[in-house]
Structure formats: structure tokens, C-alpha cells
Amino acid sequence: MTHPIVQDTKDGAILTVQVQPKASRTECVGIHGGALKIRVAAPPVDGKANEALIAFLAERLDVPPSSIAIHAGAAGRQKRVLLKTCKAKDVLVRLGLPAKGLVTS
């Protein structure tokens, strides 16, 4: 299954995320420019923002943090996150996002 922000792969789902570090709190703010925008309270120093992103996604998706990895964009704000134990449809449901645009193959 594919969606503008999440796609199924043989390794799990890949989620496209736009990260805003140094926010007042960590939260998901919705879809922004083809990515899920997530604000994280951690600064973008020494991987702290990536760690906060992984912890936030693990909690929201109810999966262990070890099943989440930054697939691409670790040093930038736009990231592709591999969710090893999830399917695209489950990611959308668990994040409370509409499945509009979801294409089954």
C-alpha cells in the first residue's frame, strides 16, 4: 500500500517526516508538504532530535524503539523513517491520519 507520506516496503513501512527541532513540546501537527510534520522539543545536536523523534513515534505507534530507524535524512529536517514492524495502513490509523490517498496494489 502507498500513501503520500507512508509506503509499504519489504522491510516495513517508510514514513516521510518533516521535523521541527527545539519546539516547546513534542507533538504531531499534521501533514505538511508531502510529509508528516512533527515538532520535537529536543535540539538538533548530537542526534538528540532523532532520538526524540524515534521515542515519540514508538510511543504513538505502540512499537519498541528498536523497530524504528532513520532510513534517510538523519542530518536534515526531512527524513524517511523505517518502521520495521508496521504496515502503511496501521501507521495512518495509529497516528490518527486520514487514509485518503491510500492506494492498494
C-alpha atoms as a PDB file:
ATOM      1  CA  MET A   1       0.000   0.000   0.000  1.00  0.00           C
ATOM      2  CA  THR A   2       1.161   3.522  -0.662  1.00  0.00           C
ATOM      3  CA  HIS A   3       0.101   6.920   0.610  1.00  0.00           C
ATOM      4  CA  PRO A   4       1.684  10.324   0.008  1.00  0.00           C
ATOM      5  CA  ILE A   5       3.535  10.112   3.357  1.00  0.00           C
ATOM      6  CA  VAL A   6       3.890   6.361   4.015  1.00  0.00           C
ATOM      7  CA  GLN A   7       4.638   3.372   1.787  1.00  0.00           C
ATOM      8  CA  ASP A   8       4.897  -0.350   2.423  1.00  0.00           C
ATOM      9  CA  THR A   9       8.244  -1.985   1.593  1.00  0.00           C
ATOM     10  CA  LYS A  10       9.581  -5.497   2.073  1.00  0.00           C
ATOM     11  CA  ASP A  11      11.331  -4.279   5.250  1.00  0.00           C
ATOM     12  CA  GLY A  12       8.315  -2.463   6.756  1.00  0.00           C
ATOM     13  CA  ALA A  13       6.675   0.914   6.247  1.00  0.00           C
ATOM     14  CA  ILE A  14       8.639   4.021   5.259  1.00  0.00           C
ATOM     15  CA  LEU A  15       7.234   7.239   6.737  1.00  0.00           C
ATOM     16  CA  THR A  16       8.259  10.646   5.372  1.00  0.00           C
ATOM     17  CA  VAL A  17       8.637  13.125   8.223  1.00  0.00           C
ATOM     18  CA  GLN A  18       9.396  16.854   8.436  1.00  0.00           C
ATOM     19  CA  VAL A  19      10.991  17.520  11.840  1.00  0.00           C
ATOM     20  CA  GLN A  20      10.977  20.863  13.633  1.00  0.00           C
ATOM     21  CA  PRO A  21      13.513  20.678  16.486  1.00  0.00           C
ATOM     22  CA  LYS A  22      13.625  22.893  19.597  1.00  0.00           C
ATOM     23  CA  ALA A  23       9.831  23.176  19.797  1.00  0.00           C
ATOM     24  CA  SER A  24       8.081  23.956  23.059  1.00  0.00           C
ATOM     25  CA  ARG A  25       6.779  20.357  23.157  1.00  0.00           C
ATOM     26  CA  THR A  26       6.934  17.177  21.107  1.00  0.00           C
ATOM     27  CA  GLU A  27       3.808  16.713  19.004  1.00  0.00           C
ATOM     28  CA  CYS A  28       2.462  15.708  15.617  1.00  0.00           C
ATOM     29  CA  VAL A  29       0.972  18.698  13.807  1.00  0.00           C
ATOM     30  CA  GLY A  30      -0.345  17.055  10.627  1.00  0.00           C
ATOM     31  CA  ILE A  31       0.651  16.707   7.011  1.00  0.00           C
ATOM     32  CA  HIS A  32       2.866  19.445   5.591  1.00  0.00           C
ATOM     33  CA  GLY A  33       4.238  19.436   2.043  1.00  0.00           C
ATOM     34  CA  GLY A  34       4.120  15.689   1.446  1.00  0.00           C
ATOM     35  CA  ALA A  35       5.424  14.763   4.895  1.00  0.00           C
ATOM     36  CA  LEU A  36       4.119  14.281   8.407  1.00  0.00           C
ATOM     37  CA  LYS A  37       5.255  17.310  10.404  1.00  0.00           C
ATOM     38  CA  ILE A  38       6.431  16.522  13.914  1.00  0.00           C
ATOM     39  CA  ARG A  39       7.734  19.076  16.361  1.00  0.00           C
ATOM     40  CA  VAL A  40      10.285  17.777  18.849  1.00  0.00           C
ATOM     41  CA  ALA A  41      11.407  19.552  21.999  1.00  0.00           C
ATOM     42  CA  ALA A  42      14.979  18.267  21.660  1.00  0.00           C
ATOM     43  CA  PRO A  43      17.666  20.347  19.938  1.00  0.00           C
ATOM     44  CA  PRO A  44      19.243  19.152  16.671  1.00  0.00           C
ATOM     45  CA  VAL A  45      22.543  18.433  18.433  1.00  0.00           C
ATOM     46  CA  ASP A  46      24.319  15.072  18.788  1.00  0.00           C
ATOM     47  CA  GLY A  47      21.319  13.172  17.416  1.00  0.00           C
ATOM     48  CA  LYS A  48      19.008  14.317  20.238  1.00  0.00           C
ATOM     49  CA  ALA A  49      16.210  15.370  17.840  1.00  0.00           C
ATOM     50  CA  ASN A  50      16.398  11.989  16.047  1.00  0.00           C
ATOM     51  CA  GLU A  51      16.236  10.168  19.393  1.00  0.00           C
ATOM     52  CA  ALA A  52      13.209  12.241  20.418  1.00  0.00           C
ATOM     53  CA  LEU A  53      11.535  11.539  17.066  1.00  0.00           C
ATOM     54  CA  ILE A  54      12.068   7.781  17.418  1.00  0.00           C
ATOM     55  CA  ALA A  55      10.802   7.795  21.017  1.00  0.00           C
ATOM     56  CA  PHE A  56       7.706   9.788  20.009  1.00  0.00           C
ATOM     57  CA  LEU A  57       6.892   7.520  17.060  1.00  0.00           C
ATOM     58  CA  ALA A  58       7.460   4.376  19.157  1.00  0.00           C
ATOM     59  CA  GLU A  59       5.000   5.619  21.765  1.00  0.00           C
ATOM     60  CA  ARG A  60       2.367   6.727  19.246  1.00  0.00           C
ATOM     61  CA  LEU A  61       2.653   3.562  17.149  1.00  0.00           C
ATOM     62  CA  ASP A  62       2.920   1.267  20.181  1.00  0.00           C
ATOM     63  CA  VAL A  63       6.102  -0.414  18.940  1.00  0.00           C
ATOM     64  CA  PRO A  64       9.542  -0.785  20.523  1.00  0.00           C
ATOM     65  CA  PRO A  65      12.024   1.986  19.637  1.00  0.00           C
ATOM     66  CA  SER A  66      14.375  -0.704  18.312  1.00  0.00           C
ATOM     67  CA  SER A  67      11.926  -1.349  15.454  1.00  0.00           C
ATOM     68  CA  ILE A  68      12.302   2.240  14.191  1.00  0.00           C
ATOM     69  CA  ALA A  69      15.288   3.577  12.250  1.00  0.00           C
ATOM     70  CA  ILE A  70      16.131   6.727  10.325  1.00  0.00           C
ATOM     71  CA  HIS A  71      16.328   5.351   6.772  1.00  0.00           C
ATOM     72  CA  ALA A  72      17.407   8.613   5.097  1.00  0.00           C
ATOM     73  CA  GLY A  73      17.934  12.240   6.100  1.00  0.00           C
ATOM     74  CA  ALA A  74      19.395  11.736   9.571  1.00  0.00           C
ATOM     75  CA  ALA A  75      21.186  15.099   9.425  1.00  0.00           C
ATOM     76  CA  GLY A  76      18.324  17.079   7.880  1.00  0.00           C
ATOM     77  CA  ARG A  77      14.802  18.110   8.765  1.00  0.00           C
ATOM     78  CA  GLN A  78      13.200  15.947   6.053  1.00  0.00           C
ATOM     79  CA  LYS A  79      13.572  12.288   6.991  1.00  0.00           C
ATOM     80  CA  ARG A  80      12.434   8.878   5.822  1.00  0.00           C
ATOM     81  CA  VAL A  81      11.823   6.657   8.806  1.00  0.00           C
ATOM     82  CA  LEU A  82      11.714   2.864   8.553  1.00  0.00           C
ATOM     83  CA  LEU A  83       9.043   1.299  10.768  1.00  0.00           C
ATOM     84  CA  LYS A  84      10.116  -2.351  10.702  1.00  0.00           C
ATOM     85  CA  THR A  85       7.029  -3.925  12.266  1.00  0.00           C
ATOM     86  CA  CYS A  86       4.307  -1.731  10.744  1.00  0.00           C
ATOM     87  CA  LYS A  87       2.194  -1.571   7.612  1.00  0.00           C
ATOM     88  CA  ALA A  88       1.261   1.748   5.973  1.00  0.00           C
ATOM     89  CA  LYS A  89      -2.424   1.399   6.825  1.00  0.00           C
ATOM     90  CA  ASP A  90      -1.635   0.712  10.503  1.00  0.00           C
ATOM     91  CA  VAL A  91       0.667   3.743  10.674  1.00  0.00           C
ATOM     92  CA  LEU A  92      -2.096   6.036   9.390  1.00  0.00           C
ATOM     93  CA  VAL A  93      -4.644   4.600  11.829  1.00  0.00           C
ATOM     94  CA  ARG A  94      -2.327   4.768  14.861  1.00  0.00           C
ATOM     95  CA  LEU A  95      -1.311   8.337  14.067  1.00  0.00           C
ATOM     96  CA  GLY A  96      -4.948   9.349  13.590  1.00  0.00           C
ATOM     97  CA  LEU A  97      -4.424  10.394   9.985  1.00  0.00           C
ATOM     98  CA  PRO A  98      -6.975  10.008   7.180  1.00  0.00           C
ATOM     99  CA  ALA A  99      -6.378   7.135   4.786  1.00  0.00           C
ATOM    100  CA  LYS A 100      -7.356   9.412   1.878  1.00  0.00           C
ATOM    101  CA  GLY A 101      -4.845   8.813  -0.889  1.00  0.00           C
ATOM    102  CA  LEU A 102      -4.080   5.263   0.238  1.00  0.00           C
ATOM    103  CA  VAL A 103      -3.547   3.046  -2.812  1.00  0.00           C
ATOM    104  CA  THR A 104      -3.610  -0.730  -2.576  1.00  0.00           C
ATOM    105  CA  SER A 105      -1.636  -2.772  -5.052  1.00  0.00           C
END
